[in-house]
Amino acid sequence: WYRQAPGKQRELVATITSNGVTNYAES
């Protein structure tokens, strides 16, 4: 997932690989 707020660039929210490795934005 990414997200984009009005007037801002698209930013990463969270990702998951097929083997379950996750990554999150600090926020």
PDB file of all heavy atoms in Angstrom:
ATOM      1  N   TRP A   1       0.828  -1.200   0.000  1.00  0.00           N
ATOM      2  CA  TRP A   1       0.000   0.000   0.000  1.00  0.00           C
ATOM      3  C   TRP A   1       0.864   1.251   0.000  1.00  0.00           C
ATOM      4  O   TRP A   1       1.866   1.334   0.726  1.00  0.00           O
ATOM      5  CB  TRP A   1      -0.878   0.020   1.245  1.00  0.00           C
ATOM      6  CG  TRP A   1      -1.861  -1.097   1.298  1.00  0.00           C
ATOM      7  CD1 TRP A   1      -1.684  -2.327   1.867  1.00  0.00           C
ATOM      8  CD2 TRP A   1      -3.180  -1.102   0.756  1.00  0.00           C
ATOM      9  NE1 TRP A   1      -2.810  -3.092   1.709  1.00  0.00           N
ATOM     10  CE2 TRP A   1      -3.758  -2.361   1.031  1.00  0.00           C
ATOM     11  CE3 TRP A   1      -3.953  -0.168   0.071  1.00  0.00           C
ATOM     12  CZ2 TRP A   1      -5.045  -2.702   0.640  1.00  0.00           C
ATOM     13  CZ3 TRP A   1      -5.244  -0.495  -0.317  1.00  0.00           C
ATOM     14  CH2 TRP A   1      -5.773  -1.746  -0.029  1.00  0.00           C
ATOM     15  N   TYR A   2       0.447   2.198  -0.809  1.00  0.00           N
ATOM     16  CA  TYR A   2       0.958   3.548  -0.773  1.00  0.00           C
ATOM     17  C   TYR A   2      -0.244   4.458  -0.512  1.00  0.00           C
ATOM     18  O   TYR A   2      -1.399   4.030  -0.628  1.00  0.00           O
ATOM     19  CB  TYR A   2       1.615   3.929  -2.105  1.00  0.00           C
ATOM     20  CG  TYR A   2       3.037   3.450  -2.261  1.00  0.00           C
ATOM     21  CD1 TYR A   2       3.337   2.099  -2.313  1.00  0.00           C
ATOM     22  CD2 TYR A   2       4.085   4.361  -2.363  1.00  0.00           C
ATOM     23  CE1 TYR A   2       4.649   1.657  -2.466  1.00  0.00           C
ATOM     24  CE2 TYR A   2       5.397   3.943  -2.520  1.00  0.00           C
ATOM     25  CZ  TYR A   2       5.663   2.585  -2.571  1.00  0.00           C
ATOM     26  OH  TYR A   2       6.968   2.158  -2.717  1.00  0.00           O
ATOM     27  N   ARG A   3       0.031   5.689  -0.188  1.00  0.00           N
ATOM     28  CA  ARG A   3      -1.057   6.661  -0.016  1.00  0.00           C
ATOM     29  C   ARG A   3      -0.621   8.027  -0.529  1.00  0.00           C
ATOM     30  O   ARG A   3       0.564   8.338  -0.583  1.00  0.00           O
ATOM     31  CB  ARG A   3      -1.495   6.760   1.447  1.00  0.00           C
ATOM     32  CG  ARG A   3      -0.460   7.354   2.379  1.00  0.00           C
ATOM     33  CD  ARG A   3      -0.941   7.276   3.821  1.00  0.00           C
ATOM     34  NE  ARG A   3       0.044   7.841   4.750  1.00  0.00           N
ATOM     35  CZ  ARG A   3      -0.076   7.778   6.074  1.00  0.00           C
ATOM     36  NH1 ARG A   3      -1.111   7.173   6.634  1.00  0.00           N
ATOM     37  NH2 ARG A   3       0.852   8.337   6.844  1.00  0.00           N
ATOM     38  N   GLN A   4      -1.621   8.808  -0.901  1.00  0.00           N
ATOM     39  CA  GLN A   4      -1.354  10.156  -1.376  1.00  0.00           C
ATOM     40  C   GLN A   4      -2.384  11.105  -0.812  1.00  0.00           C
ATOM     41  O   GLN A   4      -3.587  10.956  -1.070  1.00  0.00           O
ATOM     42  CB  GLN A   4      -1.364  10.206  -2.902  1.00  0.00           C
ATOM     43  CG  GLN A   4      -0.917  11.539  -3.469  1.00  0.00           C
ATOM     44  CD  GLN A   4      -0.610  11.461  -4.953  1.00  0.00           C
ATOM     45  OE1 GLN A   4      -1.052  10.542  -5.642  1.00  0.00           O
ATOM     46  NE2 GLN A   4       0.140  12.425  -5.457  1.00  0.00           N
ATOM     47  N   ALA A   5      -1.905  12.044  -0.036  1.00  0.00           N
ATOM     48  CA  ALA A   5      -2.763  13.091   0.528  1.00  0.00           C
ATOM     49  C   ALA A   5      -2.794  14.271  -0.439  1.00  0.00           C
ATOM     50  O   ALA A   5      -1.878  14.449  -1.248  1.00  0.00           O
ATOM     51  CB  ALA A   5      -2.234  13.518   1.886  1.00  0.00           C
ATOM     52  N   PRO A   6      -3.828  15.106  -0.364  1.00  0.00           N
ATOM     53  CA  PRO A   6      -3.916  16.268  -1.256  1.00  0.00           C
ATOM     54  C   PRO A   6      -2.674  17.142  -1.170  1.00  0.00           C
ATOM     55  O   PRO A   6      -2.232  17.506  -0.076  1.00  0.00           O
ATOM     56  CB  PRO A   6      -5.152  16.999  -0.746  1.00  0.00           C
ATOM     57  CG  PRO A   6      -5.975  15.944  -0.110  1.00  0.00           C
ATOM     58  CD  PRO A   6      -5.001  14.988   0.512  1.00  0.00           C
ATOM     59  N   GLY A   7      -2.114  17.451  -2.318  1.00  0.00           N
ATOM     60  CA  GLY A   7      -0.951  18.326  -2.367  1.00  0.00           C
ATOM     61  C   GLY A   7       0.355  17.673  -1.979  1.00  0.00           C
ATOM     62  O   GLY A   7       1.383  18.353  -1.885  1.00  0.00           O
ATOM     63  N   LYS A   8       0.340  16.374  -1.743  1.00  0.00           N
ATOM     64  CA  LYS A   8       1.559  15.676  -1.322  1.00  0.00           C
ATOM     65  C   LYS A   8       1.893  14.561  -2.301  1.00  0.00           C
ATOM     66  O   LYS A   8       1.050  14.115  -3.078  1.00  0.00           O
ATOM     67  CB  LYS A   8       1.385  15.111   0.087  1.00  0.00           C
ATOM     68  CG  LYS A   8       1.222  16.167   1.153  1.00  0.00           C
ATOM     69  CD  LYS A   8       1.254  15.549   2.541  1.00  0.00           C
ATOM     70  CE  LYS A   8       1.169  16.603   3.625  1.00  0.00           C
ATOM     71  NZ  LYS A   8       1.226  16.009   4.991  1.00  0.00           N
ATOM     72  N   GLN A   9       3.137  14.118  -2.221  1.00  0.00           N
ATOM     73  CA  GLN A   9       3.572  13.013  -3.072  1.00  0.00           C
ATOM     74  C   GLN A   9       3.060  11.688  -2.511  1.00  0.00           C
ATOM     75  O   GLN A   9       2.785  11.562  -1.310  1.00  0.00           O
ATOM     76  CB  GLN A   9       5.100  12.994  -3.153  1.00  0.00           C
ATOM     77  CG  GLN A   9       5.684  14.134  -3.967  1.00  0.00           C
ATOM     78  CD  GLN A   9       7.168  13.941  -4.227  1.00  0.00           C
ATOM     79  OE1 GLN A   9       7.874  13.328  -3.421  1.00  0.00           O
ATOM     80  NE2 GLN A   9       7.652  14.465  -5.332  1.00  0.00           N
ATOM     81  N   ARG A  10       2.959  10.720  -3.395  1.00  0.00           N
ATOM     82  CA  ARG A  10       2.578   9.374  -2.961  1.00  0.00           C
ATOM     83  C   ARG A  10       3.695   8.814  -2.079  1.00  0.00           C
ATOM     84  O   ARG A  10       4.874   8.942  -2.415  1.00  0.00           O
ATOM     85  CB  ARG A  10       2.340   8.479  -4.171  1.00  0.00           C
ATOM     86  CG  ARG A  10       1.710   7.144  -3.853  1.00  0.00           C
ATOM     87  CD  ARG A  10       1.370   6.371  -5.108  1.00  0.00           C
ATOM     88  NE  ARG A  10       0.356   7.030  -5.926  1.00  0.00           N
ATOM     89  CZ  ARG A  10      -0.255   6.426  -6.943  1.00  0.00           C
ATOM     90  NH1 ARG A  10       0.034   5.171  -7.258  1.00  0.00           N
ATOM     91  NH2 ARG A  10      -1.152   7.094  -7.644  1.00  0.00           N
ATOM     92  N   GLU A  11       3.315   8.192  -0.975  1.00  0.00           N
ATOM     93  CA  GLU A  11       4.306   7.652  -0.042  1.00  0.00           C
ATOM     94  C   GLU A  11       3.971   6.219   0.329  1.00  0.00           C
ATOM     95  O   GLU A  11       2.803   5.811   0.352  1.00  0.00           O
ATOM     96  CB  GLU A  11       4.364   8.502   1.233  1.00  0.00           C
ATOM     97  CG  GLU A  11       3.081   8.543   2.030  1.00  0.00           C
ATOM     98  CD  GLU A  11       3.214   9.318   3.339  1.00  0.00           C
ATOM     99  OE1 GLU A  11       4.279   9.907   3.601  1.00  0.00           O
ATOM    100  OE2 GLU A  11       2.238   9.311   4.114  1.00  0.00           O
ATOM    101  N   LEU A  12       5.033   5.485   0.629  1.00  0.00           N
ATOM    102  CA  LEU A  12       4.863   4.105   1.035  1.00  0.00           C
ATOM    103  C   LEU A  12       4.165   4.033   2.384  1.00  0.00           C
ATOM    104  O   LEU A  12       4.444   4.826   3.286  1.00  0.00           O
ATOM    105  CB  LEU A  12       6.227   3.430   1.122  1.00  0.00           C
ATOM    106  CG  LEU A  12       6.263   1.966   1.581  1.00  0.00           C
ATOM    107  CD1 LEU A  12       7.362   1.223   0.841  1.00  0.00           C
ATOM    108  CD2 LEU A  12       6.484   1.867   3.078  1.00  0.00           C
ATOM    109  N   VAL A  13       3.254   3.055   2.521  1.00  0.00           N
ATOM    110  CA  VAL A  13       2.617   2.789   3.812  1.00  0.00           C
ATOM    111  C   VAL A  13       3.122   1.457   4.365  1.00  0.00           C
ATOM    112  O   VAL A  13       3.680   1.401   5.460  1.00  0.00           O
ATOM    113  CB  VAL A  13       1.084   2.748   3.669  1.00  0.00           C
ATOM    114  CG1 VAL A  13       0.441   2.398   5.007  1.00  0.00           C
ATOM    115  CG2 VAL A  13       0.553   4.080   3.152  1.00  0.00           C
ATOM    116  N   ALA A  14       2.942   0.398   3.597  1.00  0.00           N
ATOM    117  CA  ALA A  14       3.365  -0.920   4.048  1.00  0.00           C
ATOM    118  C   ALA A  14       3.448  -1.856   2.859  1.00  0.00           C
ATOM    119  O   ALA A  14       2.686  -1.719   1.904  1.00  0.00           O
ATOM    120  CB  ALA A  14       2.399  -1.489   5.082  1.00  0.00           C
ATOM    121  N   THR A  15       4.382  -2.796   2.950  1.00  0.00           N
ATOM    122  CA  THR A  15       4.525  -3.797   1.902  1.00  0.00           C
ATOM    123  C   THR A  15       4.714  -5.170   2.538  1.00  0.00           C
ATOM    124  O   THR A  15       5.137  -5.283   3.696  1.00  0.00           O
ATOM    125  CB  THR A  15       5.724  -3.500   0.994  1.00  0.00           C
ATOM    126  OG1 THR A  15       6.929  -3.572   1.780  1.00  0.00           O
ATOM    127  CG2 THR A  15       5.631  -2.119   0.365  1.00  0.00           C
ATOM    128  N   ILE A  16       4.422  -6.187   1.752  1.00  0.00           N
ATOM    129  CA  ILE A  16       4.638  -7.562   2.200  1.00  0.00           C
ATOM    130  C   ILE A  16       5.057  -8.403   1.006  1.00  0.00           C
ATOM    131  O   ILE A  16       4.470  -8.300  -0.079  1.00  0.00           O
ATOM    132  CB  ILE A  16       3.379  -8.132   2.889  1.00  0.00           C
ATOM    133  CG1 ILE A  16       3.670  -9.518   3.481  1.00  0.00           C
ATOM    134  CG2 ILE A  16       2.184  -8.159   1.952  1.00  0.00           C
ATOM    135  CD1 ILE A  16       2.571  -9.985   4.448  1.00  0.00           C
ATOM    136  N   THR A  17       6.095  -9.203   1.188  1.00  0.00           N
ATOM    137  CA  THR A  17       6.550 -10.072   0.110  1.00  0.00           C
ATOM    138  C   THR A  17       5.807 -11.400   0.159  1.00  0.00           C
ATOM    139  O   THR A  17       5.112 -11.714   1.136  1.00  0.00           O
ATOM    140  CB  THR A  17       8.056 -10.325   0.218  1.00  0.00           C
ATOM    141  OG1 THR A  17       8.311 -11.096   1.396  1.00  0.00           O
ATOM    142  CG2 THR A  17       8.830  -9.021   0.267  1.00  0.00           C
ATOM    143  N   SER A  18       5.995 -12.188  -0.858  1.00  0.00           N
ATOM    144  CA  SER A  18       5.303 -13.477  -0.935  1.00  0.00           C
ATOM    145  C   SER A  18       5.764 -14.448   0.150  1.00  0.00           C
ATOM    146  O   SER A  18       5.060 -15.413   0.456  1.00  0.00           O
ATOM    147  CB  SER A  18       5.500 -14.112  -2.315  1.00  0.00           C
ATOM    148  OG  SER A  18       6.879 -14.246  -2.605  1.00  0.00           O
ATOM    149  N   ASN A  19       6.946 -14.194   0.734  1.00  0.00           N
ATOM    150  CA  ASN A  19       7.378 -15.046   1.839  1.00  0.00           C
ATOM    151  C   ASN A  19       7.184 -14.366   3.191  1.00  0.00           C
ATOM    152  O   ASN A  19       7.755 -14.787   4.197  1.00  0.00           O
ATOM    153  CB  ASN A  19       8.827 -15.509   1.666  1.00  0.00           C
ATOM    154  CG  ASN A  19       9.775 -14.365   1.441  1.00  0.00           C
ATOM    155  OD1 ASN A  19       9.406 -13.212   1.612  1.00  0.00           O
ATOM    156  ND2 ASN A  19      10.990 -14.674   1.062  1.00  0.00           N
ATOM    157  N   GLY A  20       6.378 -13.316   3.215  1.00  0.00           N
ATOM    158  CA  GLY A  20       5.929 -12.755   4.482  1.00  0.00           C
ATOM    159  C   GLY A  20       6.766 -11.658   5.093  1.00  0.00           C
ATOM    160  O   GLY A  20       6.487 -11.219   6.216  1.00  0.00           O
ATOM    161  N   VAL A  21       7.753 -11.171   4.386  1.00  0.00           N
ATOM    162  CA  VAL A  21       8.569 -10.084   4.916  1.00  0.00           C
ATOM    163  C   VAL A  21       7.806  -8.768   4.763  1.00  0.00           C
ATOM    164  O   VAL A  21       7.334  -8.436   3.673  1.00  0.00           O
ATOM    165  CB  VAL A  21       9.916 -10.011   4.183  1.00  0.00           C
ATOM    166  CG1 VAL A  21      10.720  -8.816   4.683  1.00  0.00           C
ATOM    167  CG2 VAL A  21      10.702 -11.297   4.379  1.00  0.00           C
ATOM    168  N   THR A  22       7.697  -8.043   5.849  1.00  0.00           N
ATOM    169  CA  THR A  22       6.923  -6.800   5.848  1.00  0.00           C
ATOM    170  C   THR A  22       7.827  -5.582   6.020  1.00  0.00           C
ATOM    171  O   THR A  22       8.933  -5.668   6.559  1.00  0.00           O
ATOM    172  CB  THR A  22       5.877  -6.799   6.968  1.00  0.00           C
ATOM    173  OG1 THR A  22       6.530  -6.963   8.227  1.00  0.00           O
ATOM    174  CG2 THR A  22       4.876  -7.922   6.768  1.00  0.00           C
ATOM    175  N   ASN A  23       7.309  -4.452   5.565  1.00  0.00           N
ATOM    176  CA  ASN A  23       8.013  -3.186   5.716  1.00  0.00           C
ATOM    177  C   ASN A  23       6.961  -2.114   5.922  1.00  0.00           C
ATOM    178  O   ASN A  23       5.916  -2.117   5.258  1.00  0.00           O
ATOM    179  CB  ASN A  23       8.839  -2.881   4.457  1.00  0.00           C
ATOM    180  CG  ASN A  23       9.650  -1.614   4.600  1.00  0.00           C
ATOM    181  OD1 ASN A  23      10.238  -1.363   5.642  1.00  0.00           O
ATOM    182  ND2 ASN A  23       9.682  -0.801   3.552  1.00  0.00           N
ATOM    183  N   TYR A  24       7.227  -1.202   6.868  1.00  0.00           N
ATOM    184  CA  TYR A  24       6.259  -0.163   7.202  1.00  0.00           C
ATOM    185  C   TYR A  24       6.913   1.214   7.188  1.00  0.00           C
ATOM    186  O   TYR A  24       8.082   1.362   7.531  1.00  0.00           O
ATOM    187  CB  TYR A  24       5.698  -0.384   8.608  1.00  0.00           C
ATOM    188  CG  TYR A  24       4.857  -1.620   8.774  1.00  0.00           C
ATOM    189  CD1 TYR A  24       5.427  -2.820   9.190  1.00  0.00           C
ATOM    190  CD2 TYR A  24       3.493  -1.589   8.536  1.00  0.00           C
ATOM    191  CE1 TYR A  24       4.655  -3.957   9.365  1.00  0.00           C
ATOM    192  CE2 TYR A  24       2.707  -2.713   8.708  1.00  0.00           C
ATOM    193  CZ  TYR A  24       3.298  -3.893   9.115  1.00  0.00           C
ATOM    194  OH  TYR A  24       2.523  -5.018   9.283  1.00  0.00           O
ATOM    195  N   ALA A  25       6.116   2.203   6.851  1.00  0.00           N
ATOM    196  CA  ALA A  25       6.557   3.573   7.049  1.00  0.00           C
ATOM    197  C   ALA A  25       6.635   3.839   8.550  1.00  0.00           C
ATOM    198  O   ALA A  25       5.830   3.300   9.328  1.00  0.00           O
ATOM    199  CB  ALA A  25       5.577   4.534   6.400  1.00  0.00           C
ATOM    200  N   GLU A  26       7.578   4.676   8.953  1.00  0.00           N
ATOM    201  CA  GLU A  26       7.732   4.977  10.368  1.00  0.00           C
ATOM    202  C   GLU A  26       6.451   5.560  10.956  1.00  0.00           C
ATOM    203  O   GLU A  26       6.106   5.292  12.107  1.00  0.00           O
ATOM    204  CB  GLU A  26       8.889   5.957  10.564  1.00  0.00           C
ATOM    205  CG  GLU A  26      10.268   5.354  10.416  1.00  0.00           C
ATOM    206  CD  GLU A  26      10.570   4.301  11.476  1.00  0.00           C
ATOM    207  OE1 GLU A  26      10.103   4.466  12.626  1.00  0.00           O
ATOM    208  OE2 GLU A  26      11.256   3.313  11.157  1.00  0.00           O
ATOM    209  N   SER A  27       5.735   6.324  10.163  1.00  0.00           N
ATOM    210  CA  SER A  27       4.546   7.018  10.658  1.00  0.00           C
ATOM    211  C   SER A  27       3.387   6.086  10.997  1.00  0.00           C
ATOM    212  O   SER A  27       2.454   6.491  11.689  1.00  0.00           O
ATOM    213  CB  SER A  27       4.082   8.045   9.625  1.00  0.00           C
ATOM    214  OG  SER A  27       3.772   7.401   8.393  1.00  0.00           O
TER     215      SER A  27
END
